[in-house]
Amino acid sequence: MPRLDPGMARIRVKDLRLRTYIGIKEEEINNKQDVLINLTILYPAVDAVQVNDIEHALNYRTITKAIIAHVEGNRFALLERLTQEILDLVMAHQAVRYAEVEVDKPHALRFAESVSITLAGHR
């Protein structure tokens, strides 16, 4: 993860629990499952800090709502694809300089708490 330069803000969204169709087995294709999403976003926040107005900040609520609609409204065969599509949604915001997305699929493997995929992007 890049270091946090002065004027940069790090937004963390932790354990966003959503339900979607994810997987390749018939049971997974026919039944929604939980996924846990964790986001880290870096953006320049100098104006937000000085002006104290949402118009000068990266609105994490807007980003999260878009992720919720996308994840719950679609079907995914692979965690890699789901993770990339979430990363694409985050990176669509021009203020984002770096983003990291981790998607956990609880109980995907017997004897494991979860399986996760992490992808990152920067500009």
N, C-alpha and C. Protein backbone atom coordinates (compact mmCIF):
# COMPACT_ATOMS: atom_id res chain seq x y z
N MET A 1 0.85 -1.17 0.00
CA MET A 1 0.00 0.00 0.00
C MET A 1 0.90 1.23 0.00
N PRO A 2 0.55 2.23 -0.81
CA PRO A 2 1.36 3.45 -0.83
C PRO A 2 1.36 4.14 0.53
N ARG A 3 2.44 4.89 0.78
CA ARG A 3 2.48 5.63 2.04
C ARG A 3 1.52 6.81 1.96
N LEU A 4 1.12 7.28 3.10
CA LEU A 4 0.15 8.36 3.20
C LEU A 4 0.90 9.70 3.20
N ASP A 5 0.90 10.37 2.07
CA ASP A 5 1.54 11.68 1.94
C ASP A 5 0.71 12.75 2.64
N PRO A 6 1.33 13.87 3.02
CA PRO A 6 0.55 14.97 3.61
C PRO A 6 -0.56 15.41 2.65
N GLY A 7 -1.72 15.67 3.21
CA GLY A 7 -2.85 16.10 2.40
C GLY A 7 -3.68 14.96 1.84
N MET A 8 -3.18 13.73 1.97
CA MET A 8 -3.93 12.56 1.48
C MET A 8 -4.75 11.99 2.63
N ALA A 9 -5.94 11.50 2.30
CA ALA A 9 -6.80 10.85 3.28
C ALA A 9 -6.91 9.38 2.91
N ARG A 10 -7.00 8.56 3.92
CA ARG A 10 -7.24 7.13 3.73
C ARG A 10 -8.64 6.82 4.26
N ILE A 11 -9.50 6.37 3.37
CA ILE A 11 -10.85 5.93 3.75
C ILE A 11 -10.81 4.42 3.83
N ARG A 12 -11.35 3.87 4.92
CA ARG A 12 -11.46 2.42 5.07
C ARG A 12 -12.93 2.08 5.28
N VAL A 13 -13.44 1.20 4.46
CA VAL A 13 -14.77 0.63 4.67
C VAL A 13 -14.51 -0.82 5.07
N LYS A 14 -14.97 -1.17 6.28
CA LYS A 14 -14.64 -2.47 6.86
C LYS A 14 -15.87 -3.37 6.94
N ASP A 15 -15.70 -4.58 6.45
CA ASP A 15 -16.70 -5.64 6.59
C ASP A 15 -18.09 -5.25 6.10
N LEU A 16 -18.15 -4.73 4.88
CA LEU A 16 -19.43 -4.48 4.24
C LEU A 16 -19.99 -5.84 3.83
N ARG A 17 -21.03 -6.28 4.51
CA ARG A 17 -21.59 -7.62 4.29
C ARG A 17 -22.77 -7.52 3.34
N LEU A 18 -22.62 -8.17 2.18
CA LEU A 18 -23.66 -8.18 1.17
C LEU A 18 -23.99 -9.61 0.78
N ARG A 19 -25.12 -9.77 0.08
CA ARG A 19 -25.52 -11.09 -0.41
C ARG A 19 -25.62 -11.03 -1.92
N THR A 20 -25.03 -12.05 -2.56
CA THR A 20 -25.05 -12.11 -4.02
C THR A 20 -24.91 -13.55 -4.48
N TYR A 21 -25.09 -13.74 -5.76
CA TYR A 21 -24.85 -15.05 -6.37
C TYR A 21 -23.38 -15.08 -6.76
N ILE A 22 -22.62 -16.00 -6.14
CA ILE A 22 -21.19 -16.08 -6.40
C ILE A 22 -20.75 -17.55 -6.39
N GLY A 23 -20.19 -17.99 -7.49
CA GLY A 23 -19.67 -19.35 -7.53
C GLY A 23 -19.98 -20.05 -8.84
N ILE A 24 -19.50 -21.30 -8.92
CA ILE A 24 -19.65 -22.07 -10.15
C ILE A 24 -20.44 -23.36 -9.96
N LYS A 25 -20.64 -23.76 -8.71
CA LYS A 25 -21.43 -24.96 -8.45
C LYS A 25 -22.92 -24.62 -8.50
N GLU A 26 -23.74 -25.61 -8.82
CA GLU A 26 -25.18 -25.38 -8.96
C GLU A 26 -25.77 -24.74 -7.71
N GLU A 27 -25.39 -25.22 -6.55
CA GLU A 27 -25.90 -24.66 -5.29
C GLU A 27 -25.55 -23.17 -5.18
N GLU A 28 -24.34 -22.79 -5.60
CA GLU A 28 -23.91 -21.39 -5.54
C GLU A 28 -24.64 -20.53 -6.58
N ILE A 29 -24.91 -21.10 -7.73
CA ILE A 29 -25.59 -20.37 -8.79
C ILE A 29 -27.05 -20.09 -8.42
N ASN A 30 -27.65 -21.01 -7.65
CA ASN A 30 -29.07 -20.90 -7.31
C ASN A 30 -29.38 -20.21 -6.00
N ASN A 31 -28.36 -19.99 -5.16
CA ASN A 31 -28.59 -19.43 -3.82
C ASN A 31 -27.62 -18.29 -3.54
N LYS A 32 -28.17 -17.18 -3.05
CA LYS A 32 -27.30 -16.07 -2.66
C LYS A 32 -26.44 -16.47 -1.48
N GLN A 33 -25.25 -15.89 -1.44
CA GLN A 33 -24.32 -16.13 -0.34
C GLN A 33 -23.79 -14.80 0.18
N ASP A 34 -23.30 -14.81 1.39
CA ASP A 34 -22.67 -13.63 1.96
C ASP A 34 -21.29 -13.42 1.34
N VAL A 35 -20.95 -12.16 1.14
CA VAL A 35 -19.58 -11.76 0.85
C VAL A 35 -19.26 -10.60 1.77
N LEU A 36 -18.01 -10.51 2.19
CA LEU A 36 -17.53 -9.40 3.01
C LEU A 36 -16.57 -8.58 2.18
N ILE A 37 -16.80 -7.28 2.13
CA ILE A 37 -15.98 -6.40 1.30
C ILE A 37 -15.26 -5.40 2.21
N ASN A 38 -13.96 -5.27 1.97
CA ASN A 38 -13.15 -4.28 2.66
C ASN A 38 -12.49 -3.40 1.61
N LEU A 39 -12.58 -2.09 1.81
CA LEU A 39 -12.02 -1.12 0.87
C LEU A 39 -11.01 -0.23 1.58
N THR A 40 -9.96 0.11 0.87
CA THR A 40 -9.04 1.16 1.29
C THR A 40 -8.92 2.10 0.10
N ILE A 41 -9.16 3.38 0.34
CA ILE A 41 -9.13 4.38 -0.72
C ILE A 41 -8.27 5.56 -0.26
N LEU A 42 -7.35 5.99 -1.11
CA LEU A 42 -6.56 7.18 -0.85
C LEU A 42 -6.96 8.27 -1.83
N TYR A 43 -7.16 9.48 -1.31
CA TYR A 43 -7.48 10.61 -2.18
C TYR A 43 -6.96 11.90 -1.54
N PRO A 44 -6.68 12.92 -2.35
CA PRO A 44 -6.22 14.19 -1.79
C PRO A 44 -7.36 14.91 -1.09
N ALA A 45 -7.17 15.21 0.18
CA ALA A 45 -8.25 15.76 1.00
C ALA A 45 -7.95 17.17 1.51
N VAL A 46 -7.01 17.85 0.91
CA VAL A 46 -6.64 19.19 1.39
C VAL A 46 -7.85 20.12 1.40
N ASP A 47 -8.61 20.14 0.31
CA ASP A 47 -9.78 21.02 0.25
C ASP A 47 -10.84 20.62 1.27
N ALA A 48 -11.07 19.32 1.42
CA ALA A 48 -12.08 18.84 2.38
C ALA A 48 -11.71 19.26 3.80
N VAL A 49 -10.44 19.16 4.12
CA VAL A 49 -9.97 19.52 5.46
C VAL A 49 -10.15 21.02 5.70
N GLN A 50 -9.83 21.82 4.70
CA GLN A 50 -9.88 23.28 4.86
C GLN A 50 -11.30 23.83 4.81
N VAL A 51 -12.12 23.33 3.91
CA VAL A 51 -13.44 23.91 3.66
C VAL A 51 -14.53 23.26 4.52
N ASN A 52 -14.33 22.00 4.92
CA ASN A 52 -15.31 21.29 5.76
C ASN A 52 -16.68 21.21 5.08
N ASP A 53 -16.64 20.80 3.79
CA ASP A 53 -17.87 20.72 2.99
C ASP A 53 -17.80 19.45 2.14
N ILE A 54 -18.88 18.67 2.11
CA ILE A 54 -18.91 17.40 1.39
C ILE A 54 -18.60 17.57 -0.10
N GLU A 55 -18.89 18.74 -0.65
CA GLU A 55 -18.60 18.99 -2.07
C GLU A 55 -17.10 18.93 -2.37
N HIS A 56 -16.28 19.05 -1.33
CA HIS A 56 -14.82 19.03 -1.51
C HIS A 56 -14.21 17.71 -1.04
N ALA A 57 -15.06 16.74 -0.73
CA ALA A 57 -14.58 15.44 -0.24
C ALA A 57 -14.99 14.34 -1.19
N LEU A 58 -14.34 13.22 -1.07
CA LEU A 58 -14.75 12.01 -1.78
C LEU A 58 -15.86 11.39 -0.95
N ASN A 59 -17.03 11.27 -1.52
CA ASN A 59 -18.18 10.81 -0.76
C ASN A 59 -18.21 9.28 -0.71
N TYR A 60 -17.73 8.72 0.40
CA TYR A 60 -17.68 7.27 0.53
C TYR A 60 -19.07 6.65 0.58
N ARG A 61 -20.06 7.42 0.97
CA ARG A 61 -21.43 6.89 0.98
C ARG A 61 -21.92 6.63 -0.45
N THR A 62 -21.63 7.55 -1.36
CA THR A 62 -22.00 7.38 -2.76
C THR A 62 -21.31 6.14 -3.35
N ILE A 63 -20.04 5.99 -3.05
CA ILE A 63 -19.28 4.84 -3.56
C ILE A 63 -19.85 3.55 -2.99
N THR A 64 -20.12 3.52 -1.71
CA THR A 64 -20.65 2.31 -1.07
C THR A 64 -22.02 1.94 -1.61
N LYS A 65 -22.88 2.92 -1.83
CA LYS A 65 -24.20 2.64 -2.39
C LYS A 65 -24.10 2.04 -3.79
N ALA A 66 -23.17 2.53 -4.59
CA ALA A 66 -22.96 1.97 -5.94
C ALA A 66 -22.48 0.52 -5.86
N ILE A 67 -21.60 0.25 -4.91
CA ILE A 67 -21.10 -1.12 -4.72
C ILE A 67 -22.24 -2.04 -4.30
N ILE A 68 -23.04 -1.61 -3.35
CA ILE A 68 -24.17 -2.42 -2.87
C ILE A 68 -25.10 -2.76 -4.03
N ALA A 69 -25.49 -1.77 -4.82
CA ALA A 69 -26.40 -2.00 -5.94
C ALA A 69 -25.79 -2.96 -6.95
N HIS A 70 -24.51 -2.79 -7.25
CA HIS A 70 -23.86 -3.64 -8.25
C HIS A 70 -23.73 -5.09 -7.77
N VAL A 71 -23.25 -5.26 -6.55
CA VAL A 71 -23.02 -6.61 -6.02
C VAL A 71 -24.34 -7.35 -5.85
N GLU A 72 -25.33 -6.71 -5.26
CA GLU A 72 -26.60 -7.39 -5.00
C GLU A 72 -27.43 -7.56 -6.26
N GLY A 73 -27.15 -6.80 -7.31
CA GLY A 73 -27.94 -6.87 -8.53
C GLY A 73 -27.36 -7.71 -9.64
N ASN A 74 -26.23 -8.38 -9.39
CA ASN A 74 -25.57 -9.16 -10.43
C ASN A 74 -25.19 -10.54 -9.94
N ARG A 75 -24.71 -11.35 -10.87
CA ARG A 75 -24.22 -12.71 -10.58
C ARG A 75 -22.76 -12.80 -11.00
N PHE A 76 -22.00 -13.56 -10.23
CA PHE A 76 -20.57 -13.67 -10.48
C PHE A 76 -20.14 -15.13 -10.36
N ALA A 77 -19.33 -15.58 -11.29
CA ALA A 77 -18.79 -16.93 -11.20
C ALA A 77 -17.55 -16.93 -10.31
N LEU A 78 -16.72 -15.90 -10.45
CA LEU A 78 -15.43 -15.89 -9.77
C LEU A 78 -15.28 -14.69 -8.83
N LEU A 79 -14.61 -14.92 -7.71
CA LEU A 79 -14.28 -13.84 -6.78
C LEU A 79 -13.41 -12.79 -7.46
N GLU A 80 -12.52 -13.25 -8.34
CA GLU A 80 -11.63 -12.32 -9.04
C GLU A 80 -12.43 -11.30 -9.85
N ARG A 81 -13.46 -11.78 -10.55
CA ARG A 81 -14.29 -10.87 -11.36
C ARG A 81 -15.07 -9.90 -10.47
N LEU A 82 -15.68 -10.41 -9.41
CA LEU A 82 -16.42 -9.55 -8.49
C LEU A 82 -15.49 -8.47 -7.91
N THR A 83 -14.31 -8.87 -7.49
CA THR A 83 -13.36 -7.94 -6.89
C THR A 83 -12.95 -6.87 -7.90
N GLN A 84 -12.68 -7.27 -9.15
CA GLN A 84 -12.28 -6.31 -10.18
C GLN A 84 -13.40 -5.32 -10.48
N GLU A 85 -14.63 -5.80 -10.53
CA GLU A 85 -15.75 -4.89 -10.82
C GLU A 85 -15.95 -3.87 -9.71
N ILE A 86 -15.74 -4.29 -8.47
CA ILE A 86 -15.82 -3.33 -7.35
C ILE A 86 -14.68 -2.32 -7.46
N LEU A 87 -13.48 -2.80 -7.74
CA LEU A 87 -12.33 -1.90 -7.90
C LEU A 87 -12.60 -0.89 -9.03
N ASP A 88 -13.18 -1.34 -10.12
CA ASP A 88 -13.51 -0.44 -11.23
C ASP A 88 -14.49 0.64 -10.80
N LEU A 89 -15.48 0.28 -9.99
CA LEU A 89 -16.44 1.27 -9.48
C LEU A 89 -15.75 2.34 -8.64
N VAL A 90 -14.82 1.91 -7.80
CA VAL A 90 -14.10 2.86 -6.94
C VAL A 90 -13.19 3.75 -7.78
N MET A 91 -12.45 3.15 -8.71
CA MET A 91 -11.49 3.90 -9.52
C MET A 91 -12.17 4.83 -10.52
N ALA A 92 -13.46 4.67 -10.76
CA ALA A 92 -14.20 5.55 -11.66
C ALA A 92 -14.25 6.98 -11.12
N HIS A 93 -14.02 7.15 -9.83
CA HIS A 93 -13.99 8.48 -9.22
C HIS A 93 -12.59 9.06 -9.42
N GLN A 94 -12.51 10.15 -10.16
CA GLN A 94 -11.22 10.73 -10.55
C GLN A 94 -10.36 11.17 -9.37
N ALA A 95 -10.97 11.46 -8.24
CA ALA A 95 -10.19 11.88 -7.07
C ALA A 95 -9.39 10.74 -6.45
N VAL A 96 -9.79 9.50 -6.72
CA VAL A 96 -9.12 8.34 -6.12
C VAL A 96 -7.73 8.19 -6.72
N ARG A 97 -6.73 8.15 -5.84
CA ARG A 97 -5.34 7.96 -6.29
C ARG A 97 -4.91 6.50 -6.14
N TYR A 98 -5.47 5.83 -5.16
CA TYR A 98 -5.14 4.42 -4.91
C TYR A 98 -6.36 3.78 -4.26
N ALA A 99 -6.64 2.54 -4.66
CA ALA A 99 -7.72 1.79 -4.02
C ALA A 99 -7.32 0.33 -3.93
N GLU A 100 -7.72 -0.26 -2.83
CA GLU A 100 -7.51 -1.69 -2.62
C GLU A 100 -8.84 -2.29 -2.20
N VAL A 101 -9.21 -3.39 -2.83
CA VAL A 101 -10.47 -4.05 -2.55
C VAL A 101 -10.18 -5.50 -2.19
N GLU A 102 -10.73 -5.93 -1.07
CA GLU A 102 -10.65 -7.33 -0.67
C GLU A 102 -12.07 -7.85 -0.52
N VAL A 103 -12.34 -9.00 -1.16
CA VAL A 103 -13.64 -9.63 -1.05
C VAL A 103 -13.44 -11.01 -0.45
N ASP A 104 -14.12 -11.24 0.67
CA ASP A 104 -14.10 -12.53 1.36
C ASP A 104 -15.37 -13.30 1.04
N LYS A 105 -15.21 -14.59 0.81
CA LYS A 105 -16.35 -15.48 0.65
C LYS A 105 -16.30 -16.46 1.84
N PRO A 106 -17.11 -16.18 2.88
CA PRO A 106 -17.08 -17.03 4.07
C PRO A 106 -17.45 -18.48 3.74
N HIS A 107 -16.73 -19.39 4.38
CA HIS A 107 -17.02 -20.83 4.31
C HIS A 107 -16.94 -21.39 2.89
N ALA A 108 -16.11 -20.79 2.04
CA ALA A 108 -15.94 -21.28 0.68
C ALA A 108 -15.21 -22.61 0.65
N LEU A 109 -14.37 -22.83 1.66
CA LEU A 109 -13.64 -24.09 1.78
C LEU A 109 -13.94 -24.73 3.13
N ARG A 110 -14.07 -26.02 3.11
CA ARG A 110 -14.26 -26.74 4.36
C ARG A 110 -13.01 -26.54 5.22
N PHE A 111 -13.20 -26.30 6.48
CA PHE A 111 -12.15 -26.09 7.48
C PHE A 111 -11.50 -24.70 7.41
N ALA A 112 -12.00 -23.82 6.54
CA ALA A 112 -11.46 -22.45 6.46
C ALA A 112 -12.57 -21.45 6.77
N GLU A 113 -12.22 -20.40 7.48
CA GLU A 113 -13.19 -19.36 7.79
C GLU A 113 -13.69 -18.69 6.51
N SER A 114 -12.76 -18.40 5.59
CA SER A 114 -13.15 -17.77 4.34
C SER A 114 -12.01 -17.89 3.33
N VAL A 115 -12.32 -17.49 2.12
CA VAL A 115 -11.34 -17.32 1.04
C VAL A 115 -11.51 -15.89 0.56
N SER A 116 -10.39 -15.21 0.29
CA SER A 116 -10.52 -13.83 -0.19
C SER A 116 -9.60 -13.58 -1.37
N ILE A 117 -9.98 -12.56 -2.13
CA ILE A 117 -9.18 -12.05 -3.24
C ILE A 117 -8.98 -10.57 -2.97
N THR A 118 -7.76 -10.07 -3.20
CA THR A 118 -7.47 -8.65 -3.07
C THR A 118 -6.88 -8.15 -4.37
N LEU A 119 -7.41 -7.02 -4.84
CA LEU A 119 -6.87 -6.35 -6.03
C LEU A 119 -6.70 -4.86 -5.70
N ALA A 120 -5.75 -4.22 -6.37
CA ALA A 120 -5.49 -2.81 -6.14
C ALA A 120 -5.31 -2.08 -7.46
N GLY A 121 -5.56 -0.78 -7.42
CA GLY A 121 -5.35 0.08 -8.58
C GLY A 121 -4.85 1.43 -8.13
N HIS A 122 -4.13 2.13 -9.03
CA HIS A 122 -3.64 3.47 -8.68
C HIS A 122 -3.56 4.33 -9.93
N ARG A 123 -3.52 5.64 -9.69
CA ARG A 123 -3.30 6.58 -10.78
C ARG A 123 -2.40 7.69 -10.28
